[in-house]
Amino acid sequence: MSKVHLTKEAYLKQLGARIRTLRIAAGYTNHETFAYKHGFGRSQMNRYETGKTEPGIHTLHRICVALGVTEEEFFSEGFGE
């Protein structure tokens, strides 16, 4: 498998898109409801999903737990494609 190098901006957009895709698949139609239920700031969750901010490793782990996926599952699709 060849490695794909992404710019930081492209990586953040893919990360945000993956969070949004999994959030919707988990039944949360908007980021505000998801953020409120799982203890994230609404505006911060919006920045993650729009690719404006990168969540730290601990926060990304918390997001994965809230979405019911492992980190491996989180990164299994949508990156480097």
C-alpha atoms as a PDB file:
ATOM      1  CA  MET A   1       0.000   0.000   0.000  1.00  0.00           C
ATOM      2  CA  SER A   2       1.473   3.332  -0.976  1.00  0.00           C
ATOM      3  CA  LYS A   3       1.422   6.216   1.439  1.00  0.00           C
ATOM      4  CA  VAL A   4      -0.510   9.326   0.539  1.00  0.00           C
ATOM      5  CA  HIS A   5       0.804  12.595   1.899  1.00  0.00           C
ATOM      6  CA  LEU A   6      -1.853  15.141   2.702  1.00  0.00           C
ATOM      7  CA  THR A   7      -1.485  18.790   3.448  1.00  0.00           C
ATOM      8  CA  LYS A   8      -2.556  19.757   6.948  1.00  0.00           C
ATOM      9  CA  GLU A   9      -5.640  21.480   5.516  1.00  0.00           C
ATOM     10  CA  ALA A  10      -6.651  18.389   3.512  1.00  0.00           C
ATOM     11  CA  TYR A  11      -6.088  16.139   6.533  1.00  0.00           C
ATOM     12  CA  LEU A  12      -8.242  18.362   8.770  1.00  0.00           C
ATOM     13  CA  LYS A  13     -11.034  18.407   6.191  1.00  0.00           C
ATOM     14  CA  GLN A  14     -10.959  14.609   5.916  1.00  0.00           C
ATOM     15  CA  LEU A  15     -10.880  14.266   9.694  1.00  0.00           C
ATOM     16  CA  GLY A  16     -13.884  16.584  10.020  1.00  0.00           C
ATOM     17  CA  ALA A  17     -15.774  14.808   7.261  1.00  0.00           C
ATOM     18  CA  ARG A  18     -15.170  11.463   8.979  1.00  0.00           C
ATOM     19  CA  ILE A  19     -16.449  12.792  12.317  1.00  0.00           C
ATOM     20  CA  ARG A  20     -19.546  14.195  10.593  1.00  0.00           C
ATOM     21  CA  THR A  21     -20.194  10.972   8.629  1.00  0.00           C
ATOM     22  CA  LEU A  22     -19.939   8.811  11.739  1.00  0.00           C
ATOM     23  CA  ARG A  23     -22.024  11.243  13.806  1.00  0.00           C
ATOM     24  CA  ILE A  24     -24.833  11.103  11.256  1.00  0.00           C
ATOM     25  CA  ALA A  25     -24.541   7.303  11.012  1.00  0.00           C
ATOM     26  CA  ALA A  26     -24.881   7.186  14.806  1.00  0.00           C
ATOM     27  CA  GLY A  27     -28.214   9.012  14.521  1.00  0.00           C
ATOM     28  CA  TYR A  28     -27.183  12.549  15.456  1.00  0.00           C
ATOM     29  CA  THR A  29     -28.564  14.915  12.836  1.00  0.00           C
ATOM     30  CA  ASN A  30     -26.605  17.918  14.052  1.00  0.00           C
ATOM     31  CA  HIS A  31     -23.354  18.531  15.862  1.00  0.00           C
ATOM     32  CA  GLU A  32     -25.042  20.556  18.623  1.00  0.00           C
ATOM     33  CA  THR A  33     -27.071  17.585  19.894  1.00  0.00           C
ATOM     34  CA  PHE A  34     -24.050  15.283  19.743  1.00  0.00           C
ATOM     35  CA  ALA A  35     -21.852  17.842  21.523  1.00  0.00           C
ATOM     36  CA  TYR A  36     -24.391  18.481  24.264  1.00  0.00           C
ATOM     37  CA  LYS A  37     -25.075  14.803  24.941  1.00  0.00           C
ATOM     38  CA  HIS A  38     -21.381  13.867  25.131  1.00  0.00           C
ATOM     39  CA  GLY A  39     -19.935  16.909  26.889  1.00  0.00           C
ATOM     40  CA  PHE A  40     -18.215  18.675  23.989  1.00  0.00           C
ATOM     41  CA  GLY A  41     -18.452  22.376  23.261  1.00  0.00           C
ATOM     42  CA  ARG A  42     -20.859  23.047  20.394  1.00  0.00           C
ATOM     43  CA  SER A  43     -18.612  25.567  18.673  1.00  0.00           C
ATOM     44  CA  GLN A  44     -15.566  23.361  19.178  1.00  0.00           C
ATOM     45  CA  MET A  45     -17.346  20.376  17.600  1.00  0.00           C
ATOM     46  CA  ASN A  46     -18.283  22.603  14.680  1.00  0.00           C
ATOM     47  CA  ARG A  47     -14.612  23.577  14.240  1.00  0.00           C
ATOM     48  CA  TYR A  48     -13.605  19.895  14.245  1.00  0.00           C
ATOM     49  CA  GLU A  49     -16.224  18.973  11.662  1.00  0.00           C
ATOM     50  CA  THR A  50     -15.392  21.877   9.360  1.00  0.00           C
ATOM     51  CA  GLY A  51     -11.665  21.193   9.495  1.00  0.00           C
ATOM     52  CA  LYS A  52     -10.747  24.432  11.220  1.00  0.00           C
ATOM     53  CA  THR A  53      -9.276  22.760  14.331  1.00  0.00           C
ATOM     54  CA  GLU A  54      -7.634  19.423  14.997  1.00  0.00           C
ATOM     55  CA  PRO A  55      -8.829  17.556  18.075  1.00  0.00           C
ATOM     56  CA  GLY A  56      -6.104  16.350  20.410  1.00  0.00           C
ATOM     57  CA  ILE A  57      -5.564  12.617  20.788  1.00  0.00           C
ATOM     58  CA  HIS A  58      -7.571  12.439  24.027  1.00  0.00           C
ATOM     59  CA  THR A  59     -10.454  14.384  22.488  1.00  0.00           C
ATOM     60  CA  LEU A  60     -10.400  12.224  19.375  1.00  0.00           C
ATOM     61  CA  HIS A  61     -10.551   9.148  21.609  1.00  0.00           C
ATOM     62  CA  ARG A  62     -13.564  10.633  23.436  1.00  0.00           C
ATOM     63  CA  ILE A  63     -15.254  11.340  20.097  1.00  0.00           C
ATOM     64  CA  CYS A  64     -14.648   7.746  18.977  1.00  0.00           C
ATOM     65  CA  VAL A  65     -16.082   6.381  22.236  1.00  0.00           C
ATOM     66  CA  ALA A  66     -19.137   8.629  21.882  1.00  0.00           C
ATOM     67  CA  LEU A  67     -19.593   7.437  18.276  1.00  0.00           C
ATOM     68  CA  GLY A  68     -19.163   3.793  19.280  1.00  0.00           C
ATOM     69  CA  VAL A  69     -16.117   3.142  17.086  1.00  0.00           C
ATOM     70  CA  THR A  70     -12.497   2.310  17.774  1.00  0.00           C
ATOM     71  CA  GLU A  71      -9.725   4.586  16.573  1.00  0.00           C
ATOM     72  CA  GLU A  72      -8.828   1.901  14.023  1.00  0.00           C
ATOM     73  CA  GLU A  73     -12.383   1.906  12.694  1.00  0.00           C
ATOM     74  CA  PHE A  74     -12.383   5.700  12.645  1.00  0.00           C
ATOM     75  CA  PHE A  75      -9.298   5.828  10.420  1.00  0.00           C
ATOM     76  CA  SER A  76     -10.260   2.813   8.282  1.00  0.00           C
ATOM     77  CA  GLU A  77     -12.126   4.911   5.706  1.00  0.00           C
ATOM     78  CA  GLY A  78     -11.869   8.337   4.167  1.00  0.00           C
ATOM     79  CA  PHE A  79      -8.176   9.031   4.610  1.00  0.00           C
ATOM     80  CA  GLY A  80      -5.797   9.365   1.670  1.00  0.00           C
ATOM     81  CA  GLU A  81      -8.496   8.621  -0.856  1.00  0.00           C
END
